[in-house]
N, C-alpha and C. Protein backbone atom coordinates (compact mmCIF):
# COMPACT_ATOMS: atom_id res chain seq x y z
N UNK A 1 4.82 -15.53 16.35
CA UNK A 1 5.43 -14.89 17.50
C UNK A 1 4.92 -13.46 17.68
N UNK A 2 4.71 -12.75 16.56
CA UNK A 2 4.26 -11.36 16.64
C UNK A 2 2.78 -11.27 17.05
N UNK A 3 1.98 -12.25 16.66
CA UNK A 3 0.54 -12.20 16.93
C UNK A 3 0.21 -12.11 18.41
N UNK A 4 0.76 -12.96 19.28
CA UNK A 4 0.41 -12.83 20.71
C UNK A 4 0.78 -11.47 21.29
N UNK A 5 1.93 -10.94 20.89
CA UNK A 5 2.35 -9.64 21.40
C UNK A 5 1.37 -8.55 20.92
N UNK A 6 0.96 -8.60 19.65
CA UNK A 6 0.02 -7.64 19.12
C UNK A 6 -1.33 -7.81 19.80
N UNK A 7 -1.76 -9.04 19.99
CA UNK A 7 -3.03 -9.33 20.66
C UNK A 7 -3.01 -8.75 22.08
N UNK A 8 -1.92 -8.99 22.79
CA UNK A 8 -1.77 -8.46 24.15
C UNK A 8 -1.76 -6.93 24.12
N UNK A 9 -1.07 -6.36 23.15
CA UNK A 9 -1.00 -4.90 23.04
C UNK A 9 -2.40 -4.33 22.80
N UNK A 10 -3.20 -4.99 21.95
CA UNK A 10 -4.56 -4.50 21.68
C UNK A 10 -5.45 -4.63 22.90
N UNK A 11 -5.28 -5.69 23.68
CA UNK A 11 -6.04 -5.82 24.93
C UNK A 11 -5.71 -4.65 25.85
N UNK A 12 -4.42 -4.36 25.99
CA UNK A 12 -3.99 -3.24 26.85
C UNK A 12 -4.50 -1.91 26.31
N UNK A 13 -4.45 -1.75 24.99
CA UNK A 13 -4.91 -0.52 24.35
C UNK A 13 -6.39 -0.28 24.63
N UNK A 14 -7.21 -1.33 24.49
CA UNK A 14 -8.65 -1.19 24.74
C UNK A 14 -8.93 -0.91 26.21
N UNK A 15 -8.27 -1.63 27.09
CA UNK A 15 -8.48 -1.41 28.53
C UNK A 15 -8.09 0.01 28.92
N UNK A 16 -6.97 0.50 28.40
CA UNK A 16 -6.51 1.86 28.71
C UNK A 16 -7.51 2.91 28.23
N UNK A 17 -8.25 2.58 27.16
CA UNK A 17 -9.25 3.49 26.62
C UNK A 17 -10.60 3.33 27.33
N UNK A 18 -10.67 2.42 28.30
CA UNK A 18 -11.91 2.22 29.04
C UNK A 18 -12.90 1.31 28.34
N UNK A 19 -12.42 0.52 27.38
CA UNK A 19 -13.29 -0.39 26.64
C UNK A 19 -13.00 -1.84 27.01
N UNK A 20 -14.05 -2.62 27.14
CA UNK A 20 -13.89 -4.04 27.43
C UNK A 20 -13.36 -4.73 26.17
N UNK A 21 -12.29 -5.51 26.28
CA UNK A 21 -11.70 -6.15 25.10
C UNK A 21 -12.48 -7.40 24.65
N UNK A 22 -13.62 -7.17 24.01
CA UNK A 22 -14.41 -8.29 23.50
C UNK A 22 -13.72 -8.90 22.29
N UNK A 23 -14.15 -10.08 21.92
CA UNK A 23 -13.56 -10.78 20.77
C UNK A 23 -13.68 -9.93 19.50
N UNK A 24 -14.86 -9.33 19.27
CA UNK A 24 -15.06 -8.53 18.06
C UNK A 24 -14.23 -7.25 18.09
N UNK A 25 -14.16 -6.58 19.23
CA UNK A 25 -13.33 -5.37 19.33
C UNK A 25 -11.87 -5.70 19.09
N UNK A 26 -11.40 -6.81 19.65
CA UNK A 26 -10.01 -7.20 19.46
C UNK A 26 -9.72 -7.53 18.00
N UNK A 27 -10.63 -8.22 17.34
CA UNK A 27 -10.44 -8.56 15.94
C UNK A 27 -10.39 -7.30 15.08
N UNK A 28 -11.30 -6.35 15.34
CA UNK A 28 -11.31 -5.10 14.57
C UNK A 28 -10.08 -4.25 14.89
N UNK A 29 -9.65 -4.24 16.15
CA UNK A 29 -8.43 -3.50 16.52
C UNK A 29 -7.23 -4.07 15.78
N UNK A 30 -7.16 -5.38 15.67
CA UNK A 30 -6.05 -6.01 14.95
C UNK A 30 -6.04 -5.54 13.49
N UNK A 31 -7.20 -5.53 12.85
CA UNK A 31 -7.28 -5.09 11.47
C UNK A 31 -6.91 -3.61 11.33
N UNK A 32 -7.36 -2.80 12.29
CA UNK A 32 -7.12 -1.36 12.22
C UNK A 32 -5.67 -0.97 12.48
N UNK A 33 -5.06 -1.57 13.49
CA UNK A 33 -3.78 -1.07 13.99
C UNK A 33 -2.56 -1.90 13.61
N UNK A 34 -2.75 -3.00 12.89
CA UNK A 34 -1.64 -3.91 12.63
C UNK A 34 -0.58 -3.34 11.69
N UNK A 35 -0.96 -2.43 10.80
CA UNK A 35 -0.02 -2.00 9.77
C UNK A 35 0.21 -0.49 9.74
N UNK A 36 0.30 0.12 10.89
CA UNK A 36 0.59 1.55 10.95
C UNK A 36 -0.63 2.42 10.69
N UNK A 37 -0.38 3.71 10.54
CA UNK A 37 -1.46 4.68 10.38
C UNK A 37 -2.19 4.47 9.06
N UNK A 38 -3.51 4.64 9.14
CA UNK A 38 -4.34 4.48 7.94
C UNK A 38 -5.67 5.17 8.13
N UNK A 39 -6.38 5.34 7.01
CA UNK A 39 -7.73 5.89 6.99
C UNK A 39 -8.63 4.79 6.45
N UNK A 40 -9.76 4.58 7.12
CA UNK A 40 -10.64 3.50 6.70
C UNK A 40 -12.09 3.92 6.91
N UNK A 41 -12.96 3.49 6.00
CA UNK A 41 -14.39 3.68 6.19
C UNK A 41 -14.92 2.43 6.89
N UNK A 42 -16.12 2.54 7.43
CA UNK A 42 -16.75 1.38 8.07
C UNK A 42 -16.94 0.26 7.06
N UNK A 43 -17.33 0.62 5.85
CA UNK A 43 -17.54 -0.39 4.81
C UNK A 43 -16.24 -1.11 4.45
N UNK A 44 -15.15 -0.37 4.36
CA UNK A 44 -13.86 -0.99 4.06
C UNK A 44 -13.45 -1.95 5.17
N UNK A 45 -13.60 -1.53 6.42
CA UNK A 45 -13.22 -2.38 7.54
C UNK A 45 -14.12 -3.61 7.60
N UNK A 46 -15.39 -3.44 7.32
CA UNK A 46 -16.31 -4.58 7.30
C UNK A 46 -15.86 -5.60 6.24
N UNK A 47 -15.50 -5.11 5.07
CA UNK A 47 -15.00 -5.99 4.02
C UNK A 47 -13.73 -6.73 4.44
N UNK A 48 -12.82 -6.03 5.10
CA UNK A 48 -11.59 -6.66 5.60
C UNK A 48 -11.91 -7.72 6.65
N UNK A 49 -12.88 -7.42 7.49
CA UNK A 49 -13.28 -8.37 8.54
C UNK A 49 -13.84 -9.64 7.90
N UNK A 50 -14.68 -9.48 6.89
CA UNK A 50 -15.25 -10.66 6.23
C UNK A 50 -14.16 -11.49 5.56
N UNK A 51 -13.20 -10.81 4.91
CA UNK A 51 -12.08 -11.52 4.28
C UNK A 51 -11.26 -12.28 5.31
N UNK A 52 -11.13 -11.70 6.50
CA UNK A 52 -10.35 -12.33 7.58
C UNK A 52 -11.18 -13.35 8.37
N UNK A 53 -12.40 -13.62 7.89
CA UNK A 53 -13.29 -14.59 8.54
C UNK A 53 -13.69 -14.16 9.96
N UNK A 54 -13.83 -12.84 10.15
CA UNK A 54 -14.31 -12.31 11.43
C UNK A 54 -15.82 -12.11 11.29
N UNK A 55 -16.62 -12.89 12.02
CA UNK A 55 -18.08 -12.78 11.89
C UNK A 55 -18.60 -11.53 12.60
N UNK A 56 -18.81 -10.47 11.83
CA UNK A 56 -19.23 -9.19 12.41
C UNK A 56 -20.15 -8.49 11.42
N UNK A 57 -21.19 -7.84 11.94
CA UNK A 57 -22.12 -7.11 11.07
C UNK A 57 -21.58 -5.71 10.80
N UNK A 58 -22.09 -5.09 9.75
CA UNK A 58 -21.70 -3.72 9.44
C UNK A 58 -22.10 -2.79 10.59
N UNK A 59 -23.25 -3.03 11.21
CA UNK A 59 -23.69 -2.21 12.34
C UNK A 59 -22.70 -2.30 13.50
N UNK A 60 -22.18 -3.48 13.76
CA UNK A 60 -21.19 -3.65 14.83
C UNK A 60 -19.91 -2.92 14.48
N UNK A 61 -19.52 -2.96 13.22
CA UNK A 61 -18.32 -2.23 12.79
C UNK A 61 -18.52 -0.73 13.03
N UNK A 62 -19.66 -0.20 12.61
CA UNK A 62 -19.95 1.23 12.85
C UNK A 62 -19.91 1.55 14.34
N UNK A 63 -20.59 0.75 15.15
CA UNK A 63 -20.61 1.00 16.60
C UNK A 63 -19.21 0.96 17.19
N UNK A 64 -18.43 -0.02 16.77
CA UNK A 64 -17.07 -0.15 17.31
C UNK A 64 -16.20 1.02 16.90
N UNK A 65 -16.29 1.45 15.63
CA UNK A 65 -15.51 2.60 15.18
C UNK A 65 -15.88 3.85 15.97
N UNK A 66 -17.16 4.05 16.22
CA UNK A 66 -17.58 5.21 17.00
C UNK A 66 -17.12 5.10 18.46
N UNK A 67 -17.17 3.91 19.03
CA UNK A 67 -16.65 3.71 20.39
C UNK A 67 -15.15 3.99 20.44
N UNK A 68 -14.42 3.51 19.45
CA UNK A 68 -12.98 3.76 19.40
C UNK A 68 -12.70 5.26 19.26
N UNK A 69 -13.51 5.96 18.48
CA UNK A 69 -13.32 7.40 18.31
C UNK A 69 -13.62 8.15 19.60
N UNK A 70 -14.73 7.81 20.24
CA UNK A 70 -15.11 8.49 21.49
C UNK A 70 -14.10 8.25 22.59
N UNK A 71 -13.40 7.13 22.55
CA UNK A 71 -12.42 6.82 23.59
C UNK A 71 -11.01 7.30 23.23
N UNK A 72 -10.85 7.92 22.05
CA UNK A 72 -9.56 8.48 21.67
C UNK A 72 -8.64 7.55 20.91
N UNK A 73 -9.10 6.35 20.57
CA UNK A 73 -8.25 5.41 19.81
C UNK A 73 -8.21 5.76 18.32
N UNK A 74 -9.25 6.40 17.84
CA UNK A 74 -9.35 6.81 16.44
C UNK A 74 -9.82 8.25 16.39
N UNK A 75 -9.69 8.82 15.22
CA UNK A 75 -10.20 10.17 14.96
C UNK A 75 -11.15 10.07 13.77
N UNK A 76 -12.38 10.50 13.95
CA UNK A 76 -13.32 10.49 12.83
C UNK A 76 -13.12 11.75 11.99
N UNK A 77 -12.99 11.55 10.68
CA UNK A 77 -12.82 12.67 9.75
C UNK A 77 -14.03 12.64 8.81
N UNK A 78 -14.89 13.65 8.93
CA UNK A 78 -16.08 13.72 8.09
C UNK A 78 -15.72 14.55 6.87
N UNK A 79 -15.71 13.92 5.70
CA UNK A 79 -15.34 14.64 4.49
C UNK A 79 -16.57 15.12 3.72
N UNK A 80 -17.69 14.47 3.93
CA UNK A 80 -18.97 14.87 3.36
C UNK A 80 -20.04 14.43 4.34
N UNK A 81 -21.23 14.95 4.20
CA UNK A 81 -22.29 14.62 5.15
C UNK A 81 -22.51 13.12 5.25
N UNK A 82 -22.32 12.40 4.17
CA UNK A 82 -22.59 10.96 4.18
C UNK A 82 -21.31 10.12 4.13
N UNK A 83 -20.15 10.73 4.33
CA UNK A 83 -18.91 9.96 4.24
C UNK A 83 -17.94 10.34 5.35
N UNK A 84 -17.65 9.34 6.19
CA UNK A 84 -16.67 9.50 7.27
C UNK A 84 -15.55 8.50 7.10
N UNK A 85 -14.37 8.93 7.45
CA UNK A 85 -13.21 8.05 7.53
C UNK A 85 -12.78 7.99 8.98
N UNK A 86 -12.16 6.91 9.36
CA UNK A 86 -11.64 6.77 10.70
C UNK A 86 -10.13 6.67 10.58
N UNK A 87 -9.45 7.54 11.29
CA UNK A 87 -8.00 7.74 11.17
C UNK A 87 -7.32 7.17 12.40
N UNK A 88 -6.36 6.27 12.19
CA UNK A 88 -5.62 5.71 13.33
C UNK A 88 -4.58 6.69 13.85
N UNK A 89 -4.26 7.72 13.08
CA UNK A 89 -3.34 8.76 13.53
C UNK A 89 -4.16 9.82 14.27
N UNK A 90 -4.09 9.80 15.59
CA UNK A 90 -4.89 10.73 16.39
C UNK A 90 -4.15 12.01 16.73
N UNK A 91 -2.91 12.13 16.26
CA UNK A 91 -2.15 13.36 16.49
C UNK A 91 -2.66 14.50 15.64
N UNK A 92 -2.19 15.70 15.93
CA UNK A 92 -2.61 16.88 15.20
C UNK A 92 -2.08 16.83 13.77
N UNK A 93 -2.99 16.85 12.82
CA UNK A 93 -2.63 16.92 11.40
C UNK A 93 -3.87 17.24 10.59
N UNK A 94 -3.68 17.48 9.32
CA UNK A 94 -4.77 17.84 8.41
C UNK A 94 -4.82 16.83 7.27
N UNK A 95 -5.72 17.05 6.29
CA UNK A 95 -5.89 16.06 5.24
C UNK A 95 -6.10 16.67 3.86
N UNK A 96 -5.62 15.93 2.85
CA UNK A 96 -6.06 16.09 1.48
C UNK A 96 -7.14 15.04 1.27
N UNK A 97 -8.22 15.40 0.59
CA UNK A 97 -9.23 14.43 0.20
C UNK A 97 -9.32 14.43 -1.31
N UNK A 98 -8.95 13.32 -1.94
CA UNK A 98 -9.01 13.19 -3.39
C UNK A 98 -10.42 12.73 -3.76
N UNK A 99 -11.21 13.67 -4.25
CA UNK A 99 -12.62 13.39 -4.54
C UNK A 99 -12.78 12.33 -5.62
N UNK A 100 -11.85 12.29 -6.59
CA UNK A 100 -11.96 11.32 -7.69
C UNK A 100 -11.84 9.89 -7.21
N UNK A 101 -10.94 9.65 -6.26
CA UNK A 101 -10.68 8.28 -5.81
C UNK A 101 -11.25 7.98 -4.43
N UNK A 102 -11.68 9.01 -3.71
CA UNK A 102 -12.16 8.81 -2.34
C UNK A 102 -11.04 8.53 -1.37
N UNK A 103 -9.83 8.99 -1.70
CA UNK A 103 -8.67 8.74 -0.86
C UNK A 103 -8.41 9.92 0.08
N UNK A 104 -8.13 9.60 1.33
CA UNK A 104 -7.80 10.61 2.34
C UNK A 104 -6.32 10.47 2.65
N UNK A 105 -5.58 11.58 2.60
CA UNK A 105 -4.13 11.56 2.82
C UNK A 105 -3.75 12.56 3.90
N UNK A 106 -2.81 12.19 4.75
CA UNK A 106 -2.36 13.09 5.82
C UNK A 106 -1.54 14.25 5.29
N UNK A 107 -1.71 15.40 5.95
CA UNK A 107 -0.85 16.57 5.79
C UNK A 107 -0.32 16.86 7.18
N UNK A 108 0.99 16.84 7.39
CA UNK A 108 1.51 17.18 8.72
C UNK A 108 1.06 18.57 9.16
N UNK A 109 0.76 18.72 10.43
CA UNK A 109 0.24 19.99 10.96
C UNK A 109 1.16 21.16 10.65
N UNK A 110 2.46 20.94 10.67
CA UNK A 110 3.42 22.01 10.43
C UNK A 110 3.42 22.54 9.02
N UNK A 111 2.75 21.85 8.08
CA UNK A 111 2.73 22.31 6.70
C UNK A 111 1.60 23.29 6.41
N UNK A 112 0.75 23.54 7.40
CA UNK A 112 -0.34 24.50 7.24
C UNK A 112 -0.23 25.54 8.35
N UNK A 113 -0.29 26.79 7.96
CA UNK A 113 -0.26 27.87 8.93
C UNK A 113 -1.67 28.46 9.04
N UNK A 114 -2.18 28.46 10.24
CA UNK A 114 -3.51 29.02 10.48
C UNK A 114 -3.34 30.36 11.17
N UNK A 115 -4.14 31.30 10.75
CA UNK A 115 -4.07 32.61 11.41
C UNK A 115 -5.45 33.26 11.43
N UNK A 116 -5.59 34.23 12.30
CA UNK A 116 -6.80 35.04 12.37
C UNK A 116 -8.09 34.22 12.36
N UNK A 117 -8.20 33.34 13.31
CA UNK A 117 -9.45 32.60 13.46
C UNK A 117 -10.50 33.53 14.07
N UNK A 118 -11.75 33.35 13.69
CA UNK A 118 -12.79 34.20 14.29
C UNK A 118 -12.99 33.83 15.75
N UNK A 119 -13.54 34.76 16.50
CA UNK A 119 -13.87 34.47 17.89
C UNK A 119 -15.00 33.44 17.90
N UNK A 120 -14.92 32.48 18.78
CA UNK A 120 -16.01 31.50 18.84
C UNK A 120 -17.27 32.13 19.43
N UNK A 121 -18.41 31.51 19.20
CA UNK A 121 -19.65 32.04 19.79
C UNK A 121 -19.53 32.16 21.30
N UNK A 122 -20.25 33.11 21.86
CA UNK A 122 -20.19 33.34 23.30
C UNK A 122 -20.49 32.06 24.07
N UNK A 123 -19.70 31.83 25.11
CA UNK A 123 -19.89 30.66 25.95
C UNK A 123 -19.21 29.40 25.42
N UNK A 124 -18.46 29.53 24.32
CA UNK A 124 -17.75 28.38 23.76
C UNK A 124 -16.27 28.72 23.62
N UNK A 125 -15.49 27.68 23.36
CA UNK A 125 -14.07 27.88 23.07
C UNK A 125 -13.70 26.99 21.89
N UNK A 126 -12.69 27.36 21.16
CA UNK A 126 -12.23 26.54 20.04
C UNK A 126 -11.52 25.33 20.61
N UNK A 127 -11.97 24.16 20.24
CA UNK A 127 -11.40 22.90 20.71
C UNK A 127 -10.31 22.41 19.76
N UNK A 128 -10.57 22.51 18.46
CA UNK A 128 -9.58 22.11 17.47
C UNK A 128 -9.97 22.69 16.13
N UNK A 129 -9.01 22.72 15.23
CA UNK A 129 -9.25 23.16 13.86
C UNK A 129 -8.70 22.08 12.95
N UNK A 130 -9.56 21.59 12.07
CA UNK A 130 -9.14 20.56 11.13
C UNK A 130 -9.35 21.08 9.72
N UNK A 131 -8.31 20.98 8.91
CA UNK A 131 -8.38 21.45 7.54
C UNK A 131 -8.45 20.23 6.62
N UNK A 132 -9.43 20.25 5.72
CA UNK A 132 -9.52 19.23 4.68
C UNK A 132 -9.44 19.96 3.35
N UNK A 133 -8.41 19.68 2.59
CA UNK A 133 -8.22 20.28 1.27
C UNK A 133 -8.69 19.26 0.24
N UNK A 134 -9.72 19.63 -0.51
CA UNK A 134 -10.27 18.73 -1.53
C UNK A 134 -9.50 18.92 -2.83
N UNK A 135 -9.07 17.81 -3.40
CA UNK A 135 -8.32 17.86 -4.65
C UNK A 135 -8.98 16.95 -5.68
N UNK A 136 -8.74 17.25 -6.94
CA UNK A 136 -9.17 16.41 -8.07
C UNK A 136 -7.99 16.27 -9.01
N UNK A 137 -8.01 15.18 -9.76
CA UNK A 137 -6.96 14.95 -10.74
C UNK A 137 -7.02 16.09 -11.78
N UNK A 138 -5.87 16.67 -12.07
CA UNK A 138 -5.80 17.75 -13.04
C UNK A 138 -6.00 17.18 -14.45
N UNK A 139 -6.75 17.90 -15.29
CA UNK A 139 -6.93 17.41 -16.67
C UNK A 139 -5.60 17.39 -17.40
N UNK A 140 -5.41 16.38 -18.21
CA UNK A 140 -4.17 16.27 -18.97
C UNK A 140 -4.27 17.19 -20.19
N UNK A 141 -3.20 17.91 -20.44
CA UNK A 141 -3.19 18.81 -21.58
C UNK A 141 -2.43 18.13 -22.72
N UNK A 142 -2.91 18.35 -23.92
CA UNK A 142 -2.23 17.79 -25.10
C UNK A 142 -0.96 18.60 -25.33
N UNK A 143 0.08 17.93 -25.62
CA UNK A 143 1.30 18.70 -25.79
C UNK A 143 2.27 17.98 -26.51
């Protein structure tokens, strides 16, 4: 009973974002949005798609994630030059990145106070500020 409603919701979501609701986009949207806010890499989503028997290439997953980001359905969070996560929570917030586990965790925007930002280069304006706090597991002390 829930599946048709979710399927219909994803069709509406894609159309509202200006994207044609293809079979592959709908299948990936279902995987992305079915269980609330989350952070996912293209490789993780590709693995989930294969487990769900969705015939899709890694290149298609990358293209779809970038299309979803450009249309406002996702937010791309670049934590390193070669590592991006795609966040289903597109609202204003920041992140902890656990380097040991590769886990990205939300920090509500109200928990960080930003002040005294530099003036942007001439002819530009600040569009957004995103804070990523990198953390590592603390060494255990003998005691």
